[in-house]
Amino acid sequence: IGTYAKEADASYTAKVAVDDIYADLDLGSSVDKKDVTVYEDGAELKDKAVDITKNDDDTEFGANGVLTEVFYDDDAETVTITEINTYIGSINKTVKATDKKDAYVVVTAEGPVPVQGFDNEFETDEKFEDDAYVLYTYSLSAKEIKSVELAKKVEGKVTVAENSDTNNNDKKALTIDGTRYKAAKMIGGENLADVSVKQDYTIYVDSYGYMIYVEENEEIGDYALILNIKGGSDWYLGNRVELLF
């Protein structure tokens, strides 16, 4: 059976290089890629298996906001690497329990999705407000949402927006009221290339502190209530309205 751990031997929530995994597992020799198995959201990625060896700082696993866990079986000398993405969504509706089905929520994706046409129902007795932004994980092997929790909301003025000038997908970070928030891999909402500094924004962060959704706070400008509309043929007054500012 070996001594495969129920708990990970090493965990990361940002990119990690193979040589760091090698060191953190305290390996005395390399593990051949045939003895390495990699999963993402429960699905095996056979083309991502690599040798776990020293001095390989070019090959990386994970990303910001991705829980990467490494399990080492020291008897079989095998390594299993799992990557669990966190996605951003909102509560579309909450359905109460019936005699035939438990209570559940329907989640609408607000960013990248685990797979097109994914099952967006999640059984839970937890109460969520409609349209609340939530973090969810998904299993591709089980074809279902595995967890849902509220996303933390942060509001403030953007003072620095970091993004590549040539690649809108290269979202880096926003600094809001003096705090820098790095972008999660599965970030949704406005492109950071379109973010205006000195403007107020709302962001949502994942459980690891990475920014996973961005939206501008829309301000209502000057407005007036029309109290009365008057028509007239007088060349000086003409058609006019009575306004309440």
C-alpha atoms as a PDB file:
ATOM      1  CA  ILE A   1       0.000   0.000   0.000  1.00  0.00           C
ATOM      2  CA  GLY A   2       2.844   2.402   0.717  1.00  0.00           C
ATOM      3  CA  THR A   3       2.702   5.573   2.771  1.00  0.00           C
ATOM      4  CA  TYR A   4       0.735   7.841   0.457  1.00  0.00           C
ATOM      5  CA  ALA A   5      -0.323  10.811   2.599  1.00  0.00           C
ATOM      6  CA  LYS A   6      -3.912  11.894   3.049  1.00  0.00           C
ATOM      7  CA  GLU A   7      -2.560  15.402   3.577  1.00  0.00           C
ATOM      8  CA  ALA A   8      -0.306  17.052   1.035  1.00  0.00           C
ATOM      9  CA  ASP A   9       3.431  16.939   1.604  1.00  0.00           C
ATOM     10  CA  ALA A  10       3.702  20.389   0.009  1.00  0.00           C
ATOM     11  CA  SER A  11       1.112  23.042  -0.882  1.00  0.00           C
ATOM     12  CA  TYR A  12       1.308  26.220  -2.957  1.00  0.00           C
ATOM     13  CA  THR A  13      -1.083  28.960  -4.101  1.00  0.00           C
ATOM     14  CA  ALA A  14       1.231  30.573  -6.675  1.00  0.00           C
ATOM     15  CA  LYS A  15       3.540  29.241  -9.381  1.00  0.00           C
ATOM     16  CA  VAL A  16       6.094  26.768  -8.121  1.00  0.00           C
ATOM     17  CA  ALA A  17       9.139  25.451  -9.973  1.00  0.00           C
ATOM     18  CA  VAL A  18      10.066  21.778 -10.113  1.00  0.00           C
ATOM     19  CA  ASP A  19      13.327  22.351  -8.262  1.00  0.00           C
ATOM     20  CA  ASP A  20      11.391  23.914  -5.376  1.00  0.00           C
ATOM     21  CA  ILE A  21       9.097  20.870  -5.244  1.00  0.00           C
ATOM     22  CA  TYR A  22      12.194  18.637  -5.241  1.00  0.00           C
ATOM     23  CA  ALA A  23      13.644  20.565  -2.296  1.00  0.00           C
ATOM     24  CA  ASP A  24      10.376  20.789  -0.352  1.00  0.00           C
ATOM     25  CA  LEU A  25       9.875  17.017  -0.629  1.00  0.00           C
ATOM     26  CA  ASP A  26      13.449  16.590   0.639  1.00  0.00           C
ATOM     27  CA  LEU A  27      14.175  14.131  -2.159  1.00  0.00           C
ATOM     28  CA  GLY A  28      17.550  12.461  -2.367  1.00  0.00           C
ATOM     29  CA  SER A  29      17.223  11.565  -6.037  1.00  0.00           C
ATOM     30  CA  SER A  30      15.046  12.444  -9.016  1.00  0.00           C
ATOM     31  CA  VAL A  31      11.608  10.938  -9.619  1.00  0.00           C
ATOM     32  CA  ASP A  32      11.111   9.857 -13.230  1.00  0.00           C
ATOM     33  CA  LYS A  33       8.142  11.360 -15.044  1.00  0.00           C
ATOM     34  CA  LYS A  34       6.629   7.898 -15.534  1.00  0.00           C
ATOM     35  CA  ASP A  35       6.144   7.910 -11.756  1.00  0.00           C
ATOM     36  CA  VAL A  36       4.572  11.382 -11.718  1.00  0.00           C
ATOM     37  CA  THR A  37       0.839  11.965 -12.119  1.00  0.00           C
ATOM     38  CA  VAL A  38      -0.715  15.415 -12.568  1.00  0.00           C
ATOM     39  CA  TYR A  39      -4.369  16.349 -12.144  1.00  0.00           C
ATOM     40  CA  GLU A  40      -6.207  19.623 -12.752  1.00  0.00           C
ATOM     41  CA  ASP A  41      -9.710  19.961 -11.305  1.00  0.00           C
ATOM     42  CA  GLY A  42      -9.827  16.177 -10.956  1.00  0.00           C
ATOM     43  CA  ALA A  43      -8.864  15.366 -14.556  1.00  0.00           C
ATOM     44  CA  GLU A  44      -5.525  13.720 -15.297  1.00  0.00           C
ATOM     45  CA  LEU A  45      -3.142  15.700 -17.501  1.00  0.00           C
ATOM     46  CA  LYS A  46      -0.882  13.023 -18.939  1.00  0.00           C
ATOM     47  CA  ASP A  47       1.160  15.476 -21.005  1.00  0.00           C
ATOM     48  CA  LYS A  48       2.144  17.495 -17.904  1.00  0.00           C
ATOM     49  CA  ALA A  49       4.092  14.754 -16.136  1.00  0.00           C
ATOM     50  CA  VAL A  50       7.797  15.676 -15.839  1.00  0.00           C
ATOM     51  CA  ASP A  51      10.860  14.516 -13.980  1.00  0.00           C
ATOM     52  CA  ILE A  52      10.990  15.900 -10.440  1.00  0.00           C
ATOM     53  CA  THR A  53      14.634  16.830 -10.268  1.00  0.00           C
ATOM     54  CA  LYS A  54      17.073  19.396  -8.970  1.00  0.00           C
ATOM     55  CA  ASN A  55      17.936  22.560 -10.878  1.00  0.00           C
ATOM     56  CA  ASP A  56      14.800  22.602 -13.058  1.00  0.00           C
ATOM     57  CA  ASP A  57      13.514  26.093 -12.410  1.00  0.00           C
ATOM     58  CA  ASP A  58      12.014  26.437 -15.905  1.00  0.00           C
ATOM     59  CA  THR A  59       9.178  23.939 -15.454  1.00  0.00           C
ATOM     60  CA  GLU A  60       6.413  25.281 -13.222  1.00  0.00           C
ATOM     61  CA  PHE A  61       3.071  24.164 -11.847  1.00  0.00           C
ATOM     62  CA  GLY A  62       0.150  26.215 -10.566  1.00  0.00           C
ATOM     63  CA  ALA A  63      -0.548  29.936 -10.697  1.00  0.00           C
ATOM     64  CA  ASN A  64      -1.903  32.722  -8.531  1.00  0.00           C
ATOM     65  CA  GLY A  65      -5.061  31.492  -6.826  1.00  0.00           C
ATOM     66  CA  VAL A  66      -4.533  27.851  -7.823  1.00  0.00           C
ATOM     67  CA  LEU A  67      -4.150  25.402  -4.944  1.00  0.00           C
ATOM     68  CA  THR A  68      -1.321  23.094  -5.998  1.00  0.00           C
ATOM     69  CA  GLU A  69      -0.751  20.129  -3.687  1.00  0.00           C
ATOM     70  CA  VAL A  70       2.019  17.546  -3.949  1.00  0.00           C
ATOM     71  CA  PHE A  71       1.774  14.029  -2.498  1.00  0.00           C
ATOM     72  CA  TYR A  72       4.816  11.788  -2.262  1.00  0.00           C
ATOM     73  CA  ASP A  73       4.641   8.022  -1.748  1.00  0.00           C
ATOM     74  CA  ASP A  74       8.086   7.251  -0.344  1.00  0.00           C
ATOM     75  CA  ASP A  75       7.634   3.468  -0.656  1.00  0.00           C
ATOM     76  CA  ALA A  76       6.605   3.461  -4.314  1.00  0.00           C
ATOM     77  CA  GLU A  77       8.646   6.612  -4.998  1.00  0.00           C
ATOM     78  CA  THR A  78       5.790   8.228  -6.903  1.00  0.00           C
ATOM     79  CA  VAL A  79       4.622  11.835  -6.940  1.00  0.00           C
ATOM     80  CA  THR A  80       1.063  13.034  -7.450  1.00  0.00           C
ATOM     81  CA  ILE A  81       0.438  16.716  -8.177  1.00  0.00           C
ATOM     82  CA  THR A  82      -3.079  18.167  -8.013  1.00  0.00           C
ATOM     83  CA  GLU A  83      -4.129  21.642  -9.137  1.00  0.00           C
ATOM     84  CA  ILE A  84      -7.467  23.033  -7.973  1.00  0.00           C
ATOM     85  CA  ASN A  85      -8.666  26.234  -9.640  1.00  0.00           C
ATOM     86  CA  THR A  86     -10.892  28.772  -7.925  1.00  0.00           C
ATOM     87  CA  TYR A  87     -13.529  30.350 -10.182  1.00  0.00           C
ATOM     88  CA  ILE A  88     -15.693  33.457  -9.723  1.00  0.00           C
ATOM     89  CA  GLY A  89     -19.463  33.391 -10.093  1.00  0.00           C
ATOM     90  CA  SER A  90     -22.649  34.924  -8.749  1.00  0.00           C
ATOM     91  CA  ILE A  91     -25.772  33.444  -7.218  1.00  0.00           C
ATOM     92  CA  ASN A  92     -28.460  33.269  -9.883  1.00  0.00           C
ATOM     93  CA  LYS A  93     -31.105  31.820  -7.570  1.00  0.00           C
ATOM     94  CA  THR A  94     -31.627  29.765  -4.432  1.00  0.00           C
ATOM     95  CA  VAL A  95     -34.006  26.813  -4.479  1.00  0.00           C
ATOM     96  CA  LYS A  96     -35.522  25.487  -1.270  1.00  0.00           C
ATOM     97  CA  ALA A  97     -35.491  21.811  -0.380  1.00  0.00           C
ATOM     98  CA  THR A  98     -38.393  19.579  -1.398  1.00  0.00           C
ATOM     99  CA  ASP A  99     -39.365  15.991  -0.653  1.00  0.00           C
ATOM    100  CA  LYS A 100     -37.450  14.923  -3.746  1.00  0.00           C
ATOM    101  CA  LYS A 101     -34.417  17.221  -3.768  1.00  0.00           C
ATOM    102  CA  ASP A 102     -32.158  19.003  -1.282  1.00  0.00           C
ATOM    103  CA  ALA A 103     -31.792  22.780  -1.256  1.00  0.00           C
ATOM    104  CA  TYR A 104     -29.407  24.130  -3.869  1.00  0.00           C
ATOM    105  CA  VAL A 105     -28.103  27.289  -5.496  1.00  0.00           C
ATOM    106  CA  VAL A 106     -27.576  28.060  -9.172  1.00  0.00           C
ATOM    107  CA  VAL A 107     -24.244  29.719  -9.940  1.00  0.00           C
ATOM    108  CA  THR A 108     -23.677  32.001 -12.936  1.00  0.00           C
ATOM    109  CA  ALA A 109     -20.078  32.197 -14.158  1.00  0.00           C
ATOM    110  CA  GLU A 110     -18.556  35.689 -13.973  1.00  0.00           C
ATOM    111  CA  GLY A 111     -15.187  34.755 -15.446  1.00  0.00           C
ATOM    112  CA  PRO A 112     -13.426  31.801 -17.090  1.00  0.00           C
ATOM    113  CA  VAL A 113     -15.335  28.527 -16.723  1.00  0.00           C
ATOM    114  CA  PRO A 114     -14.025  25.027 -15.911  1.00  0.00           C
ATOM    115  CA  VAL A 115     -15.722  23.617 -19.015  1.00  0.00           C
ATOM    116  CA  GLN A 116     -18.386  24.827 -21.423  1.00  0.00           C
ATOM    117  CA  GLY A 117     -21.898  23.877 -20.345  1.00  0.00           C
ATOM    118  CA  PHE A 118     -20.805  22.906 -16.830  1.00  0.00           C
ATOM    119  CA  ASP A 119     -23.330  21.788 -14.218  1.00  0.00           C
ATOM    120  CA  ASN A 120     -23.912  25.014 -12.276  1.00  0.00           C
ATOM    121  CA  GLU A 121     -26.086  23.673  -9.449  1.00  0.00           C
ATOM    122  CA  PHE A 122     -24.654  23.133  -5.971  1.00  0.00           C
ATOM    123  CA  GLU A 123     -26.506  21.485  -3.111  1.00  0.00           C
ATOM    124  CA  THR A 124     -26.225  23.516   0.094  1.00  0.00           C
ATOM    125  CA  ASP A 125     -28.287  24.722   3.046  1.00  0.00           C
ATOM    126  CA  GLU A 126     -26.171  27.869   3.302  1.00  0.00           C
ATOM    127  CA  LYS A 127     -28.035  31.097   2.603  1.00  0.00           C
ATOM    128  CA  PHE A 128     -26.759  33.417  -0.119  1.00  0.00           C
ATOM    129  CA  GLU A 129     -28.265  36.666  -1.335  1.00  0.00           C
ATOM    130  CA  ASP A 130     -29.262  36.794  -4.980  1.00  0.00           C
ATOM    131  CA  ASP A 131     -26.460  38.191  -7.193  1.00  0.00           C
ATOM    132  CA  ALA A 132     -23.866  37.698  -4.426  1.00  0.00           C
ATOM    133  CA  TYR A 133     -20.383  37.062  -5.811  1.00  0.00           C
ATOM    134  CA  VAL A 134     -19.048  33.656  -4.831  1.00  0.00           C
ATOM    135  CA  LEU A 135     -15.948  31.528  -5.244  1.00  0.00           C
ATOM    136  CA  TYR A 136     -16.454  27.999  -6.496  1.00  0.00           C
ATOM    137  CA  THR A 137     -14.377  24.936  -7.331  1.00  0.00           C
ATOM    138  CA  TYR A 138     -15.324  22.300  -9.871  1.00  0.00           C
ATOM    139  CA  SER A 139     -14.474  18.643 -10.447  1.00  0.00           C
ATOM    140  CA  LEU A 140     -14.132  17.675 -14.099  1.00  0.00           C
ATOM    141  CA  SER A 141     -14.124  13.996 -13.174  1.00  0.00           C
ATOM    142  CA  ALA A 142     -17.294  14.215 -11.047  1.00  0.00           C
ATOM    143  CA  LYS A 143     -18.789  16.869 -13.364  1.00  0.00           C
ATOM    144  CA  GLU A 144     -20.076  18.995 -10.499  1.00  0.00           C
ATOM    145  CA  ILE A 145     -19.335  22.026  -8.355  1.00  0.00           C
ATOM    146  CA  LYS A 146     -17.507  20.914  -5.217  1.00  0.00           C
ATOM    147  CA  SER A 147     -17.583  24.073  -3.081  1.00  0.00           C
ATOM    148  CA  VAL A 148     -19.156  27.539  -2.963  1.00  0.00           C
ATOM    149  CA  GLU A 149     -18.268  30.394  -0.625  1.00  0.00           C
ATOM    150  CA  LEU A 150     -18.711  34.155  -0.558  1.00  0.00           C
ATOM    151  CA  ALA A 151     -15.985  36.220  -2.186  1.00  0.00           C
ATOM    152  CA  LYS A 152     -14.462  39.024  -0.137  1.00  0.00           C
ATOM    153  CA  LYS A 153     -15.371  42.489  -1.429  1.00  0.00           C
ATOM    154  CA  VAL A 154     -12.904  45.391  -1.521  1.00  0.00           C
ATOM    155  CA  GLU A 155     -13.788  48.934  -2.624  1.00  0.00           C
ATOM    156  CA  GLY A 156     -11.535  51.901  -3.139  1.00  0.00           C
ATOM    157  CA  LYS A 157      -9.610  54.185  -5.461  1.00  0.00           C
ATOM    158  CA  VAL A 158      -7.142  52.615  -7.889  1.00  0.00           C
ATOM    159  CA  THR A 159      -3.737  54.271  -7.696  1.00  0.00           C
ATOM    160  CA  VAL A 160      -1.713  51.808  -9.810  1.00  0.00           C
ATOM    161  CA  ALA A 161      -2.866  49.425 -12.565  1.00  0.00           C
ATOM    162  CA  GLU A 162      -0.318  46.880 -13.826  1.00  0.00           C
ATOM    163  CA  ASN A 163      -0.856  45.146 -17.142  1.00  0.00           C
ATOM    164  CA  SER A 164       1.026  44.348 -20.328  1.00  0.00           C
ATOM    165  CA  ASP A 165       0.564  46.962 -23.064  1.00  0.00           C
ATOM    166  CA  THR A 166       0.479  44.282 -25.751  1.00  0.00           C
ATOM    167  CA  ASN A 167      -1.498  41.469 -24.112  1.00  0.00           C
ATOM    168  CA  ASN A 168      -4.803  42.158 -22.386  1.00  0.00           C
ATOM    169  CA  ASN A 169      -4.734  38.627 -20.967  1.00  0.00           C
ATOM    170  CA  ASP A 170      -1.587  39.423 -19.008  1.00  0.00           C
ATOM    171  CA  LYS A 171      -3.386  40.796 -15.964  1.00  0.00           C
ATOM    172  CA  LYS A 172      -0.960  41.575 -13.183  1.00  0.00           C
ATOM    173  CA  ALA A 173      -2.193  43.668 -10.272  1.00  0.00           C
ATOM    174  CA  LEU A 174      -4.125  46.662  -8.982  1.00  0.00           C
ATOM    175  CA  THR A 175      -3.172  48.877  -6.077  1.00  0.00           C
ATOM    176  CA  ILE A 176      -6.264  50.118  -4.232  1.00  0.00           C
ATOM    177  CA  ASP A 177      -5.931  52.588  -1.364  1.00  0.00           C
ATOM    178  CA  GLY A 178      -2.304  51.571  -0.884  1.00  0.00           C
ATOM    179  CA  THR A 179      -2.779  47.787  -0.989  1.00  0.00           C
ATOM    180  CA  ARG A 180      -1.536  45.789  -3.994  1.00  0.00           C
ATOM    181  CA  TYR A 181      -3.730  42.897  -5.137  1.00  0.00           C
ATOM    182  CA  LYS A 182      -2.207  40.403  -7.558  1.00  0.00           C
ATOM    183  CA  ALA A 183      -4.534  38.948 -10.195  1.00  0.00           C
ATOM    184  CA  ALA A 184      -5.703  35.353  -9.847  1.00  0.00           C
ATOM    185  CA  LYS A 185      -5.375  32.992 -12.790  1.00  0.00           C
ATOM    186  CA  MET A 186      -9.165  32.842 -13.271  1.00  0.00           C
ATOM    187  CA  ILE A 187      -9.816  36.575 -12.916  1.00  0.00           C
ATOM    188  CA  GLY A 188     -13.005  37.966 -14.463  1.00  0.00           C
ATOM    189  CA  GLY A 189     -14.581  41.373 -14.960  1.00  0.00           C
ATOM    190  CA  GLU A 190     -12.904  44.376 -16.510  1.00  0.00           C
ATOM    191  CA  ASN A 191      -9.601  44.048 -18.288  1.00  0.00           C
ATOM    192  CA  LEU A 192      -6.843  45.714 -16.314  1.00  0.00           C
ATOM    193  CA  ALA A 193      -5.767  47.507 -19.496  1.00  0.00           C
ATOM    194  CA  ASP A 194      -9.091  49.378 -19.320  1.00  0.00           C
ATOM    195  CA  VAL A 195      -8.865  50.325 -15.637  1.00  0.00           C
ATOM    196  CA  SER A 196      -8.553  54.065 -14.993  1.00  0.00           C
ATOM    197  CA  VAL A 197      -6.368  55.210 -12.135  1.00  0.00           C
ATOM    198  CA  LYS A 198      -7.848  57.645  -9.611  1.00  0.00           C
ATOM    199  CA  GLN A 199     -11.253  56.052 -10.203  1.00  0.00           C
ATOM    200  CA  ASP A 200     -13.226  54.009  -7.687  1.00  0.00           C
ATOM    201  CA  TYR A 201     -13.452  50.262  -8.279  1.00  0.00           C
ATOM    202  CA  THR A 202     -14.860  47.216  -6.556  1.00  0.00           C
ATOM    203  CA  ILE A 203     -12.823  44.035  -6.614  1.00  0.00           C
ATOM    204  CA  TYR A 204     -13.408  40.595  -5.161  1.00  0.00           C
ATOM    205  CA  VAL A 205     -10.582  38.472  -3.802  1.00  0.00           C
ATOM    206  CA  ASP A 206     -10.285  34.727  -3.382  1.00  0.00           C
ATOM    207  CA  SER A 207      -9.515  32.877  -0.169  1.00  0.00           C
ATOM    208  CA  TYR A 208      -5.769  33.259  -0.828  1.00  0.00           C
ATOM    209  CA  GLY A 209      -5.959  37.045  -1.217  1.00  0.00           C
ATOM    210  CA  TYR A 210      -5.714  37.216  -5.015  1.00  0.00           C
ATOM    211  CA  MET A 211      -7.962  39.537  -7.014  1.00  0.00           C
ATOM    212  CA  ILE A 212     -10.480  37.459  -8.983  1.00  0.00           C
ATOM    213  CA  TYR A 213     -13.042  40.006 -10.215  1.00  0.00           C
ATOM    214  CA  VAL A 214     -12.878  43.714 -11.150  1.00  0.00           C
ATOM    215  CA  GLU A 215     -15.665  46.208 -11.782  1.00  0.00           C
ATOM    216  CA  GLU A 216     -15.796  50.004 -11.941  1.00  0.00           C
ATOM    217  CA  ASN A 217     -18.079  51.835  -9.537  1.00  0.00           C
ATOM    218  CA  GLU A 218     -20.468  53.698 -11.803  1.00  0.00           C
ATOM    219  CA  GLU A 219     -21.244  57.160 -10.539  1.00  0.00           C
ATOM    220  CA  ILE A 220     -24.493  58.981 -11.230  1.00  0.00           C
ATOM    221  CA  GLY A 221     -23.736  62.419 -12.638  1.00  0.00           C
ATOM    222  CA  ASP A 222     -25.872  65.566 -12.567  1.00  0.00           C
ATOM    223  CA  TYR A 223     -29.551  64.844 -13.082  1.00  0.00           C
ATOM    224  CA  ALA A 224     -32.914  66.574 -12.976  1.00  0.00           C
ATOM    225  CA  LEU A 225     -36.530  65.499 -12.629  1.00  0.00           C
ATOM    226  CA  ILE A 226     -38.877  66.754 -15.370  1.00  0.00           C
ATOM    227  CA  LEU A 227     -41.905  68.302 -13.694  1.00  0.00           C
ATOM    228  CA  ASN A 228     -43.645  69.713 -16.731  1.00  0.00           C
ATOM    229  CA  ILE A 229     -43.238  69.960 -20.496  1.00  0.00           C
ATOM    230  CA  LYS A 230     -44.534  73.049 -22.250  1.00  0.00           C
ATOM    231  CA  GLY A 231     -44.907  73.519 -25.962  1.00  0.00           C
ATOM    232  CA  GLY A 232     -45.064  76.903 -27.615  1.00  0.00           C
ATOM    233  CA  SER A 233     -44.691  78.663 -30.912  1.00  0.00           C
ATOM    234  CA  ASP A 234     -43.083  81.764 -29.448  1.00  0.00           C
ATOM    235  CA  TRP A 235     -39.752  82.225 -31.224  1.00  0.00           C
ATOM    236  CA  TYR A 236     -38.079  83.331 -27.999  1.00  0.00           C
ATOM    237  CA  LEU A 237     -39.367  80.713 -25.551  1.00  0.00           C
ATOM    238  CA  GLY A 238     -40.384  77.864 -27.861  1.00  0.00           C
ATOM    239  CA  ASN A 239     -40.696  74.353 -26.385  1.00  0.00           C
ATOM    240  CA  ARG A 240     -39.452  74.146 -22.795  1.00  0.00           C
ATOM    241  CA  VAL A 241     -39.463  71.948 -19.671  1.00  0.00           C
ATOM    242  CA  GLU A 242     -39.755  72.663 -15.972  1.00  0.00           C
ATOM    243  CA  LEU A 243     -37.000  70.855 -14.032  1.00  0.00           C
ATOM    244  CA  LEU A 244     -36.356  69.934 -10.414  1.00  0.00           C
ATOM    245  CA  PHE A 245     -32.598  69.639  -9.785  1.00  0.00           C
END
